Amino acid sequence: MDYAIILSKKFEGQSFSVGDTYESIVSLDGSPIPAQAELEALWPEVDYEIAYAQVEQARQQAYQQTADPLFFEYQRGDATEAEWLAAVQAVKDAHPYPEQV
């Protein structure tokens, strides 16, 4: 669990300094420091958001390398729609989304 990430994602607009432990959290703007239990309860959601974003990024890179060029070939008549759709599905299969919490 990463308190700094939780605070930056779920308490935007508030400013904290964070060390390695909950006790090291300091409010830099006078905002109340969320309870440790509240931060711990938010972690699964934040962790999921991070994992989802990583899959999105990996998919985008894979699409650009494989499926997108094939799409343009399909538009020119140099590849079939089935080939393009298979490439899209291969990217999805290679980079599945994490299970939501």
PDB file of N, CA and C in Angstrom:
ATOM      1  N   MET A   1       0.833  -1.169   0.000  1.00  0.00           N
ATOM      2  CA  MET A   1       0.000   0.000   0.000  1.00  0.00           C
ATOM      3  C   MET A   1       0.886   1.243   0.000  1.00  0.00           C
ATOM      4  N   ASP A   2       0.469   2.230  -0.783  1.00  0.00           N
ATOM      5  CA  ASP A   2       1.264   3.454  -0.934  1.00  0.00           C
ATOM      6  C   ASP A   2       0.412   4.663  -0.566  1.00  0.00           C
ATOM      7  N   TYR A   3       0.662   5.211   0.636  1.00  0.00           N
ATOM      8  CA  TYR A   3      -0.124   6.347   1.111  1.00  0.00           C
ATOM      9  C   TYR A   3      -0.014   7.550   0.180  1.00  0.00           C
ATOM     10  N   ALA A   4       1.168   7.798  -0.363  1.00  0.00           N
ATOM     11  CA  ALA A   4       1.365   8.950  -1.238  1.00  0.00           C
ATOM     12  C   ALA A   4       0.482   8.859  -2.475  1.00  0.00           C
ATOM     13  N   ILE A   5       0.392   7.691  -3.058  1.00  0.00           N
ATOM     14  CA  ILE A   5      -0.440   7.516  -4.251  1.00  0.00           C
ATOM     15  C   ILE A   5      -1.912   7.687  -3.904  1.00  0.00           C
ATOM     16  N   ILE A   6      -2.337   7.094  -2.793  1.00  0.00           N
ATOM     17  CA  ILE A   6      -3.736   7.235  -2.377  1.00  0.00           C
ATOM     18  C   ILE A   6      -4.079   8.706  -2.180  1.00  0.00           C
ATOM     19  N   LEU A   7      -3.228   9.417  -1.461  1.00  0.00           N
ATOM     20  CA  LEU A   7      -3.497  10.829  -1.194  1.00  0.00           C
ATOM     21  C   LEU A   7      -3.515  11.655  -2.474  1.00  0.00           C
ATOM     22  N   SER A   8      -2.605  11.366  -3.390  1.00  0.00           N
ATOM     23  CA  SER A   8      -2.562  12.154  -4.630  1.00  0.00           C
ATOM     24  C   SER A   8      -3.753  11.867  -5.533  1.00  0.00           C
ATOM     25  N   LYS A   9      -4.263  10.635  -5.524  1.00  0.00           N
ATOM     26  CA  LYS A   9      -5.371  10.287  -6.401  1.00  0.00           C
ATOM     27  C   LYS A   9      -6.735  10.600  -5.808  1.00  0.00           C
ATOM     28  N   LYS A  10      -6.879  10.457  -4.515  1.00  0.00           N
ATOM     29  CA  LYS A  10      -8.195  10.588  -3.887  1.00  0.00           C
ATOM     30  C   LYS A  10      -8.390  11.880  -3.097  1.00  0.00           C
ATOM     31  N   PHE A  11      -7.340  12.640  -2.929  1.00  0.00           N
ATOM     32  CA  PHE A  11      -7.440  13.892  -2.180  1.00  0.00           C
ATOM     33  C   PHE A  11      -6.781  15.014  -2.990  1.00  0.00           C
ATOM     34  N   GLU A  12      -7.180  15.101  -4.255  1.00  0.00           N
ATOM     35  CA  GLU A  12      -6.628  16.114  -5.150  1.00  0.00           C
ATOM     36  C   GLU A  12      -6.941  17.504  -4.606  1.00  0.00           C
ATOM     37  N   GLY A  13      -6.024  18.405  -4.797  1.00  0.00           N
ATOM     38  CA  GLY A  13      -6.212  19.760  -4.327  1.00  0.00           C
ATOM     39  C   GLY A  13      -5.751  19.967  -2.900  1.00  0.00           C
ATOM     40  N   GLN A  14      -5.434  18.875  -2.223  1.00  0.00           N
ATOM     41  CA  GLN A  14      -4.901  18.960  -0.876  1.00  0.00           C
ATOM     42  C   GLN A  14      -3.426  18.610  -0.951  1.00  0.00           C
ATOM     43  N   SER A  15      -2.654  19.147  -0.050  1.00  0.00           N
ATOM     44  CA  SER A  15      -1.210  18.977  -0.128  1.00  0.00           C
ATOM     45  C   SER A  15      -0.676  18.287   1.123  1.00  0.00           C
ATOM     46  N   PHE A  16       0.022  17.162   0.888  1.00  0.00           N
ATOM     47  CA  PHE A  16       0.578  16.375   1.978  1.00  0.00           C
ATOM     48  C   PHE A  16       2.039  16.054   1.698  1.00  0.00           C
ATOM     49  N   SER A  17       2.780  15.885   2.753  1.00  0.00           N
ATOM     50  CA  SER A  17       4.127  15.325   2.680  1.00  0.00           C
ATOM     51  C   SER A  17       4.016  13.936   3.280  1.00  0.00           C
ATOM     52  N   VAL A  18       4.592  12.949   2.578  1.00  0.00           N
ATOM     53  CA  VAL A  18       4.424  11.566   3.019  1.00  0.00           C
ATOM     54  C   VAL A  18       5.768  10.869   3.058  1.00  0.00           C
ATOM     55  N   GLY A  19       6.027  10.194   4.166  1.00  0.00           N
ATOM     56  CA  GLY A  19       7.223   9.359   4.291  1.00  0.00           C
ATOM     57  C   GLY A  19       6.847   7.912   4.049  1.00  0.00           C
ATOM     58  N   ASP A  20       7.474   7.025   4.798  1.00  0.00           N
ATOM     59  CA  ASP A  20       7.247   5.589   4.609  1.00  0.00           C
ATOM     60  C   ASP A  20       6.086   5.032   5.429  1.00  0.00           C
ATOM     61  N   THR A  21       5.597   5.792   6.412  1.00  0.00           N
ATOM     62  CA  THR A  21       4.556   5.284   7.303  1.00  0.00           C
ATOM     63  C   THR A  21       3.397   6.263   7.382  1.00  0.00           C
ATOM     64  N   TYR A  22       2.281   5.778   7.900  1.00  0.00           N
ATOM     65  CA  TYR A  22       1.121   6.646   8.081  1.00  0.00           C
ATOM     66  C   TYR A  22       1.470   7.808   9.006  1.00  0.00           C
ATOM     67  N   GLU A  23       2.210   7.514  10.043  1.00  0.00           N
ATOM     68  CA  GLU A  23       2.573   8.535  11.038  1.00  0.00           C
ATOM     69  C   GLU A  23       3.410   9.661  10.430  1.00  0.00           C
ATOM     70  N   SER A  24       4.027   9.419   9.292  1.00  0.00           N
ATOM     71  CA  SER A  24       4.878  10.441   8.671  1.00  0.00           C
ATOM     72  C   SER A  24       4.095  11.429   7.815  1.00  0.00           C
ATOM     73  N   ILE A  25       2.797  11.212   7.626  1.00  0.00           N
ATOM     74  CA  ILE A  25       1.991  12.104   6.795  1.00  0.00           C
ATOM     75  C   ILE A  25       1.832  13.447   7.503  1.00  0.00           C
ATOM     76  N   VAL A  26       2.112  14.517   6.758  1.00  0.00           N
ATOM     77  CA  VAL A  26       1.980  15.874   7.279  1.00  0.00           C
ATOM     78  C   VAL A  26       1.151  16.670   6.275  1.00  0.00           C
ATOM     79  N   SER A  27       0.155  17.390   6.766  1.00  0.00           N
ATOM     80  CA  SER A  27      -0.633  18.265   5.910  1.00  0.00           C
ATOM     81  C   SER A  27       0.162  19.533   5.660  1.00  0.00           C
ATOM     82  N   LEU A  28       0.312  19.904   4.394  1.00  0.00           N
ATOM     83  CA  LEU A  28       1.064  21.102   4.038  1.00  0.00           C
ATOM     84  C   LEU A  28       0.171  22.316   3.844  1.00  0.00           C
ATOM     85  N   ASP A  29      -1.136  22.087   3.804  1.00  0.00           N
ATOM     86  CA  ASP A  29      -2.052  23.205   3.572  1.00  0.00           C
ATOM     87  C   ASP A  29      -3.142  23.316   4.635  1.00  0.00           C
ATOM     88  N   GLY A  30      -2.972  22.605   5.723  1.00  0.00           N
ATOM     89  CA  GLY A  30      -3.958  22.656   6.801  1.00  0.00           C
ATOM     90  C   GLY A  30      -5.123  21.713   6.625  1.00  0.00           C
ATOM     91  N   SER A  31      -5.140  20.931   5.537  1.00  0.00           N
ATOM     92  CA  SER A  31      -6.206  19.948   5.335  1.00  0.00           C
ATOM     93  C   SER A  31      -6.105  18.874   6.408  1.00  0.00           C
ATOM     94  N   PRO A  32      -7.241  18.346   6.836  1.00  0.00           N
ATOM     95  CA  PRO A  32      -7.166  17.263   7.814  1.00  0.00           C
ATOM     96  C   PRO A  32      -6.550  16.018   7.178  1.00  0.00           C
ATOM     97  N   ILE A  33      -5.773  15.308   7.956  1.00  0.00           N
ATOM     98  CA  ILE A  33      -5.161  14.063   7.469  1.00  0.00           C
ATOM     99  C   ILE A  33      -6.216  12.961   7.585  1.00  0.00           C
ATOM    100  N   PRO A  34      -6.507  12.282   6.484  1.00  0.00           N
ATOM    101  CA  PRO A  34      -7.492  11.201   6.537  1.00  0.00           C
ATOM    102  C   PRO A  34      -7.035  10.107   7.511  1.00  0.00           C
ATOM    103  N   ALA A  35      -7.998   9.442   8.109  1.00  0.00           N
ATOM    104  CA  ALA A  35      -7.685   8.355   9.037  1.00  0.00           C
ATOM    105  C   ALA A  35      -6.985   7.219   8.294  1.00  0.00           C
ATOM    106  N   GLN A  36      -6.140   6.522   8.992  1.00  0.00           N
ATOM    107  CA  GLN A  36      -5.406   5.410   8.390  1.00  0.00           C
ATOM    108  C   GLN A  36      -6.374   4.373   7.826  1.00  0.00           C
ATOM    109  N   ALA A  37      -7.453   4.093   8.549  1.00  0.00           N
ATOM    110  CA  ALA A  37      -8.439   3.114   8.078  1.00  0.00           C
ATOM    111  C   ALA A  37      -9.089   3.574   6.771  1.00  0.00           C
ATOM    112  N   GLU A  38      -9.325   4.874   6.637  1.00  0.00           N
ATOM    113  CA  GLU A  38      -9.907   5.409   5.408  1.00  0.00           C
ATOM    114  C   GLU A  38      -8.959   5.218   4.230  1.00  0.00           C
ATOM    115  N   LEU A  39      -7.695   5.510   4.453  1.00  0.00           N
ATOM    116  CA  LEU A  39      -6.700   5.334   3.389  1.00  0.00           C
ATOM    117  C   LEU A  39      -6.562   3.860   3.018  1.00  0.00           C
ATOM    118  N   GLU A  40      -6.534   3.001   4.011  1.00  0.00           N
ATOM    119  CA  GLU A  40      -6.417   1.558   3.745  1.00  0.00           C
ATOM    120  C   GLU A  40      -7.629   1.045   2.981  1.00  0.00           C
ATOM    121  N   ALA A  41      -8.815   1.591   3.280  1.00  0.00           N
ATOM    122  CA  ALA A  41     -10.028   1.180   2.577  1.00  0.00           C
ATOM    123  C   ALA A  41     -10.021   1.637   1.118  1.00  0.00           C
ATOM    124  N   LEU A  42      -9.343   2.739   0.835  1.00  0.00           N
ATOM    125  CA  LEU A  42      -9.260   3.254  -0.535  1.00  0.00           C
ATOM    126  C   LEU A  42      -8.226   2.526  -1.384  1.00  0.00           C
ATOM    127  N   TRP A  43      -7.275   1.849  -0.751  1.00  0.00           N
ATOM    128  CA  TRP A  43      -6.175   1.239  -1.490  1.00  0.00           C
ATOM    129  C   TRP A  43      -6.618   0.263  -2.582  1.00  0.00           C
ATOM    130  N   PRO A  44      -7.565  -0.670  -2.338  1.00  0.00           N
ATOM    131  CA  PRO A  44      -7.939  -1.582  -3.429  1.00  0.00           C
ATOM    132  C   PRO A  44      -8.444  -0.852  -4.673  1.00  0.00           C
ATOM    133  N   GLU A  45      -9.214   0.205  -4.472  1.00  0.00           N
ATOM    134  CA  GLU A  45      -9.719   0.988  -5.597  1.00  0.00           C
ATOM    135  C   GLU A  45      -8.581   1.685  -6.339  1.00  0.00           C
ATOM    136  N   VAL A  46      -7.674   2.287  -5.606  1.00  0.00           N
ATOM    137  CA  VAL A  46      -6.532   2.981  -6.221  1.00  0.00           C
ATOM    138  C   VAL A  46      -5.628   1.981  -6.935  1.00  0.00           C
ATOM    139  N   ASP A  47      -5.388   0.850  -6.312  1.00  0.00           N
ATOM    140  CA  ASP A  47      -4.551  -0.190  -6.916  1.00  0.00           C
ATOM    141  C   ASP A  47      -5.177  -0.679  -8.228  1.00  0.00           C
ATOM    142  N   TYR A  48      -6.493  -0.844  -8.244  1.00  0.00           N
ATOM    143  CA  TYR A  48      -7.196  -1.241  -9.462  1.00  0.00           C
ATOM    144  C   TYR A  48      -7.046  -0.175 -10.548  1.00  0.00           C
ATOM    145  N   GLU A  49      -7.215   1.094 -10.173  1.00  0.00           N
ATOM    146  CA  GLU A  49      -7.081   2.184 -11.137  1.00  0.00           C
ATOM    147  C   GLU A  49      -5.691   2.207 -11.765  1.00  0.00           C
ATOM    148  N   ILE A  50      -4.683   1.951 -10.963  1.00  0.00           N
ATOM    149  CA  ILE A  50      -3.307   1.918 -11.466  1.00  0.00           C
ATOM    150  C   ILE A  50      -3.132   0.757 -12.440  1.00  0.00           C
ATOM    151  N   ALA A  51      -3.608  -0.422 -12.048  1.00  0.00           N
ATOM    152  CA  ALA A  51      -3.480  -1.606 -12.911  1.00  0.00           C
ATOM    153  C   ALA A  51      -4.249  -1.414 -14.216  1.00  0.00           C
ATOM    154  N   TYR A  52      -5.430  -0.820 -14.141  1.00  0.00           N
ATOM    155  CA  TYR A  52      -6.241  -0.572 -15.329  1.00  0.00           C
ATOM    156  C   TYR A  52      -5.516   0.379 -16.283  1.00  0.00           C
ATOM    157  N   ALA A  53      -4.947   1.436 -15.732  1.00  0.00           N
ATOM    158  CA  ALA A  53      -4.210   2.409 -16.548  1.00  0.00           C
ATOM    159  C   ALA A  53      -2.996   1.768 -17.218  1.00  0.00           C
ATOM    160  N   GLN A  54      -2.338   0.855 -16.517  1.00  0.00           N
ATOM    161  CA  GLN A  54      -1.181   0.166 -17.102  1.00  0.00           C
ATOM    162  C   GLN A  54      -1.614  -0.707 -18.275  1.00  0.00           C
ATOM    163  N   VAL A  55      -2.753  -1.385 -18.148  1.00  0.00           N
ATOM    164  CA  VAL A  55      -3.266  -2.206 -19.243  1.00  0.00           C
ATOM    165  C   VAL A  55      -3.655  -1.315 -20.423  1.00  0.00           C
ATOM    166  N   GLU A  56      -4.302  -0.193 -20.137  1.00  0.00           N
ATOM    167  CA  GLU A  56      -4.672   0.743 -21.200  1.00  0.00           C
ATOM    168  C   GLU A  56      -3.441   1.188 -21.990  1.00  0.00           C
ATOM    169  N   GLN A  57      -2.388   1.527 -21.275  1.00  0.00           N
ATOM    170  CA  GLN A  57      -1.161   1.982 -21.930  1.00  0.00           C
ATOM    171  C   GLN A  57      -0.551   0.854 -22.766  1.00  0.00           C
ATOM    172  N   ALA A  58      -0.509  -0.347 -22.214  1.00  0.00           N
ATOM    173  CA  ALA A  58       0.043  -1.482 -22.951  1.00  0.00           C
ATOM    174  C   ALA A  58      -0.783  -1.782 -24.193  1.00  0.00           C
ATOM    175  N   ARG A  59      -2.107  -1.696 -24.067  1.00  0.00           N
ATOM    176  CA  ARG A  59      -2.972  -1.927 -25.227  1.00  0.00           C
ATOM    177  C   ARG A  59      -2.728  -0.879 -26.307  1.00  0.00           C
ATOM    178  N   GLN A  60      -2.643   0.376 -25.919  1.00  0.00           N
ATOM    179  CA  GLN A  60      -2.432   1.439 -26.896  1.00  0.00           C
ATOM    180  C   GLN A  60      -1.129   1.213 -27.673  1.00  0.00           C
ATOM    181  N   GLN A  61      -0.081   0.841 -26.964  1.00  0.00           N
ATOM    182  CA  GLN A  61       1.199   0.576 -27.631  1.00  0.00           C
ATOM    183  C   GLN A  61       1.075  -0.611 -28.579  1.00  0.00           C
ATOM    184  N   ALA A  62       0.401  -1.662 -28.136  1.00  0.00           N
ATOM    185  CA  ALA A  62       0.243  -2.851 -28.973  1.00  0.00           C
ATOM    186  C   ALA A  62      -0.631  -2.558 -30.188  1.00  0.00           C
ATOM    187  N   TYR A  63      -1.701  -1.779 -29.996  1.00  0.00           N
ATOM    188  CA  TYR A  63      -2.540  -1.404 -31.139  1.00  0.00           C
ATOM    189  C   TYR A  63      -1.711  -0.634 -32.166  1.00  0.00           C
ATOM    190  N   GLN A  64      -0.914   0.312 -31.707  1.00  0.00           N
ATOM    191  CA  GLN A  64      -0.111   1.115 -32.620  1.00  0.00           C
ATOM    192  C   GLN A  64       0.882   0.274 -33.408  1.00  0.00           C
ATOM    193  N   GLN A  65       1.376  -0.789 -32.780  1.00  0.00           N
ATOM    194  CA  GLN A  65       2.379  -1.622 -33.435  1.00  0.00           C
ATOM    195  C   GLN A  65       1.770  -2.660 -34.366  1.00  0.00           C
ATOM    196  N   THR A  66       0.564  -3.141 -34.052  1.00  0.00           N
ATOM    197  CA  THR A  66       0.014  -4.249 -34.833  1.00  0.00           C
ATOM    198  C   THR A  66      -1.319  -3.945 -35.499  1.00  0.00           C
ATOM    199  N   ALA A  67      -2.327  -3.636 -34.708  1.00  0.00           N
ATOM    200  CA  ALA A  67      -3.680  -3.514 -35.245  1.00  0.00           C
ATOM    201  C   ALA A  67      -3.871  -2.255 -36.097  1.00  0.00           C
ATOM    202  N   ASP A  68      -3.312  -1.129 -35.678  1.00  0.00           N
ATOM    203  CA  ASP A  68      -3.507   0.109 -36.443  1.00  0.00           C
ATOM    204  C   ASP A  68      -2.937   0.016 -37.858  1.00  0.00           C
ATOM    205  N   PRO A  69      -1.702  -0.458 -38.022  1.00  0.00           N
ATOM    206  CA  PRO A  69      -1.197  -0.595 -39.400  1.00  0.00           C
ATOM    207  C   PRO A  69      -2.055  -1.544 -40.239  1.00  0.00           C
ATOM    208  N   LEU A  70      -2.541  -2.601 -39.592  1.00  0.00           N
ATOM    209  CA  LEU A  70      -3.385  -3.550 -40.315  1.00  0.00           C
ATOM    210  C   LEU A  70      -4.722  -2.905 -40.697  1.00  0.00           C
ATOM    211  N   PHE A  71      -5.227  -2.017 -39.861  1.00  0.00           N
ATOM    212  CA  PHE A  71      -6.462  -1.304 -40.184  1.00  0.00           C
ATOM    213  C   PHE A  71      -6.289  -0.484 -41.462  1.00  0.00           C
ATOM    214  N   PHE A  72      -5.174   0.201 -41.568  1.00  0.00           N
ATOM    215  CA  PHE A  72      -4.935   1.009 -42.762  1.00  0.00           C
ATOM    216  C   PHE A  72      -4.760   0.121 -44.002  1.00  0.00           C
ATOM    217  N   GLU A  73      -4.152  -1.030 -43.809  1.00  0.00           N
ATOM    218  CA  GLU A  73      -4.060  -1.981 -44.928  1.00  0.00           C
ATOM    219  C   GLU A  73      -5.458  -2.448 -45.326  1.00  0.00           C
ATOM    220  N   TYR A  74      -6.287  -2.696 -44.342  1.00  0.00           N
ATOM    221  CA  TYR A  74      -7.681  -3.101 -44.602  1.00  0.00           C
ATOM    222  C   TYR A  74      -8.414  -2.001 -45.374  1.00  0.00           C
ATOM    223  N   GLN A  75      -8.212  -0.739 -44.987  1.00  0.00           N
ATOM    224  CA  GLN A  75      -8.868   0.365 -45.683  1.00  0.00           C
ATOM    225  C   GLN A  75      -8.424   0.453 -47.147  1.00  0.00           C
ATOM    226  N   ARG A  76      -7.148   0.138 -47.393  1.00  0.00           N
ATOM    227  CA  ARG A  76      -6.625   0.185 -48.768  1.00  0.00           C
ATOM    228  C   ARG A  76      -6.978  -1.066 -49.563  1.00  0.00           C
ATOM    229  N   GLY A  77      -7.520  -2.063 -48.904  1.00  0.00           N
ATOM    230  CA  GLY A  77      -7.857  -3.305 -49.583  1.00  0.00           C
ATOM    231  C   GLY A  77      -6.719  -4.302 -49.601  1.00  0.00           C
ATOM    232  N   ASP A  78      -5.655  -4.050 -48.836  1.00  0.00           N
ATOM    233  CA  ASP A  78      -4.499  -4.954 -48.798  1.00  0.00           C
ATOM    234  C   ASP A  78      -4.607  -6.003 -47.694  1.00  0.00           C
ATOM    235  N   ALA A  79      -5.620  -5.902 -46.850  1.00  0.00           N
ATOM    236  CA  ALA A  79      -5.862  -6.886 -45.785  1.00  0.00           C
ATOM    237  C   ALA A  79      -7.372  -6.996 -45.614  1.00  0.00           C
ATOM    238  N   THR A  80      -7.790  -8.059 -44.979  1.00  0.00           N
ATOM    239  CA  THR A  80      -9.229  -8.258 -44.781  1.00  0.00           C
ATOM    240  C   THR A  80      -9.666  -7.693 -43.429  1.00  0.00           C
ATOM    241  N   GLU A  81     -10.952  -7.454 -43.331  1.00  0.00           N
ATOM    242  CA  GLU A  81     -11.502  -7.000 -42.059  1.00  0.00           C
ATOM    243  C   GLU A  81     -11.256  -8.047 -40.974  1.00  0.00           C
ATOM    244  N   ALA A  82     -11.378  -9.305 -41.345  1.00  0.00           N
ATOM    245  CA  ALA A  82     -11.163 -10.386 -40.376  1.00  0.00           C
ATOM    246  C   ALA A  82      -9.734 -10.369 -39.830  1.00  0.00           C
ATOM    247  N   GLU A  83      -8.752 -10.086 -40.688  1.00  0.00           N
ATOM    248  CA  GLU A  83      -7.360 -10.000 -40.228  1.00  0.00           C
ATOM    249  C   GLU A  83      -7.186  -8.855 -39.228  1.00  0.00           C
ATOM    250  N   TRP A  84      -7.780  -7.714 -39.552  1.00  0.00           N
ATOM    251  CA  TRP A  84      -7.689  -6.560 -38.654  1.00  0.00           C
ATOM    252  C   TRP A  84      -8.367  -6.853 -37.310  1.00  0.00           C
ATOM    253  N   LEU A  85      -9.583  -7.405 -37.373  1.00  0.00           N
ATOM    254  CA  LEU A  85     -10.311  -7.714 -36.137  1.00  0.00           C
ATOM    255  C   LEU A  85      -9.577  -8.774 -35.308  1.00  0.00           C
ATOM    256  N   ALA A  86      -8.937  -9.702 -35.962  1.00  0.00           N
ATOM    257  CA  ALA A  86      -8.155 -10.717 -35.245  1.00  0.00           C
ATOM    258  C   ALA A  86      -6.971 -10.065 -34.528  1.00  0.00           C
ATOM    259  N   ALA A  87      -6.366  -9.086 -35.168  1.00  0.00           N
ATOM    260  CA  ALA A  87      -5.245  -8.375 -34.541  1.00  0.00           C
ATOM    261  C   ALA A  87      -5.722  -7.591 -33.319  1.00  0.00           C
ATOM    262  N   VAL A  88      -6.879  -6.970 -33.426  1.00  0.00           N
ATOM    263  CA  VAL A  88      -7.454  -6.247 -32.286  1.00  0.00           C
ATOM    264  C   VAL A  88      -7.722  -7.215 -31.138  1.00  0.00           C
ATOM    265  N   GLN A  89      -8.319  -8.352 -31.449  1.00  0.00           N
ATOM    266  CA  GLN A  89      -8.626  -9.338 -30.411  1.00  0.00           C
ATOM    267  C   GLN A  89      -7.358  -9.905 -29.787  1.00  0.00           C
ATOM    268  N   ALA A  90      -6.320 -10.073 -30.575  1.00  0.00           N
ATOM    269  CA  ALA A  90      -5.045 -10.577 -30.049  1.00  0.00           C
ATOM    270  C   ALA A  90      -4.461  -9.601 -29.026  1.00  0.00           C
ATOM    271  N   VAL A  91      -4.592  -8.317 -29.293  1.00  0.00           N
ATOM    272  CA  VAL A  91      -4.116  -7.317 -28.334  1.00  0.00           C
ATOM    273  C   VAL A  91      -4.925  -7.411 -27.046  1.00  0.00           C
ATOM    274  N   LYS A  92      -6.245  -7.506 -27.174  1.00  0.00           N
ATOM    275  CA  LYS A  92      -7.095  -7.623 -25.982  1.00  0.00           C
ATOM    276  C   LYS A  92      -6.774  -8.878 -25.187  1.00  0.00           C
ATOM    277  N   ASP A  93      -6.533  -9.971 -25.887  1.00  0.00           N
ATOM    278  CA  ASP A  93      -6.198 -11.229 -25.207  1.00  0.00           C
ATOM    279  C   ASP A  93      -4.850 -11.154 -24.502  1.00  0.00           C
ATOM    280  N   ALA A  94      -3.906 -10.467 -25.126  1.00  0.00           N
ATOM    281  CA  ALA A  94      -2.567 -10.355 -24.549  1.00  0.00           C
ATOM    282  C   ALA A  94      -2.512  -9.395 -23.369  1.00  0.00           C
ATOM    283  N   HIS A  95      -3.468  -8.478 -23.316  1.00  0.00           N
ATOM    284  CA  HIS A  95      -3.478  -7.448 -22.264  1.00  0.00           C
ATOM    285  C   HIS A  95      -4.869  -7.359 -21.643  1.00  0.00           C
ATOM    286  N   PRO A  96      -5.261  -8.367 -20.844  1.00  0.00           N
ATOM    287  CA  PRO A  96      -6.600  -8.344 -20.245  1.00  0.00           C
ATOM    288  C   PRO A  96      -6.683  -7.312 -19.113  1.00  0.00           C
ATOM    289  N   TYR A  97      -7.858  -6.749 -18.952  1.00  0.00           N
ATOM    290  CA  TYR A  97      -8.078  -5.818 -17.848  1.00  0.00           C
ATOM    291  C   TYR A  97      -8.069  -6.572 -16.518  1.00  0.00           C
ATOM    292  N   PRO A  98      -7.641  -5.926 -15.451  1.00  0.00           N
ATOM    293  CA  PRO A  98      -7.676  -6.589 -14.144  1.00  0.00           C
ATOM    294  C   PRO A  98      -9.129  -6.733 -13.693  1.00  0.00           C
ATOM    295  N   GLU A  99      -9.353  -7.670 -12.802  1.00  0.00           N
ATOM    296  CA  GLU A  99     -10.689  -7.830 -12.252  1.00  0.00           C
ATOM    297  C   GLU A  99     -10.972  -6.686 -11.302  1.00  0.00           C
ATOM    298  N   GLN A 100     -12.175  -6.129 -11.421  1.00  0.00           N
ATOM    299  CA  GLN A 100     -12.529  -4.990 -10.581  1.00  0.00           C
ATOM    300  C   GLN A 100     -12.845  -5.458  -9.163  1.00  0.00           C
ATOM    301  N   VAL A 101     -12.410  -4.652  -8.208  1.00  0.00           N
ATOM    302  CA  VAL A 101     -12.641  -4.986  -6.797  1.00  0.00           C
ATOM    303  C   VAL A 101     -14.019  -4.628  -6.361  1.00  0.00           C
TER     304      VAL A 101
END
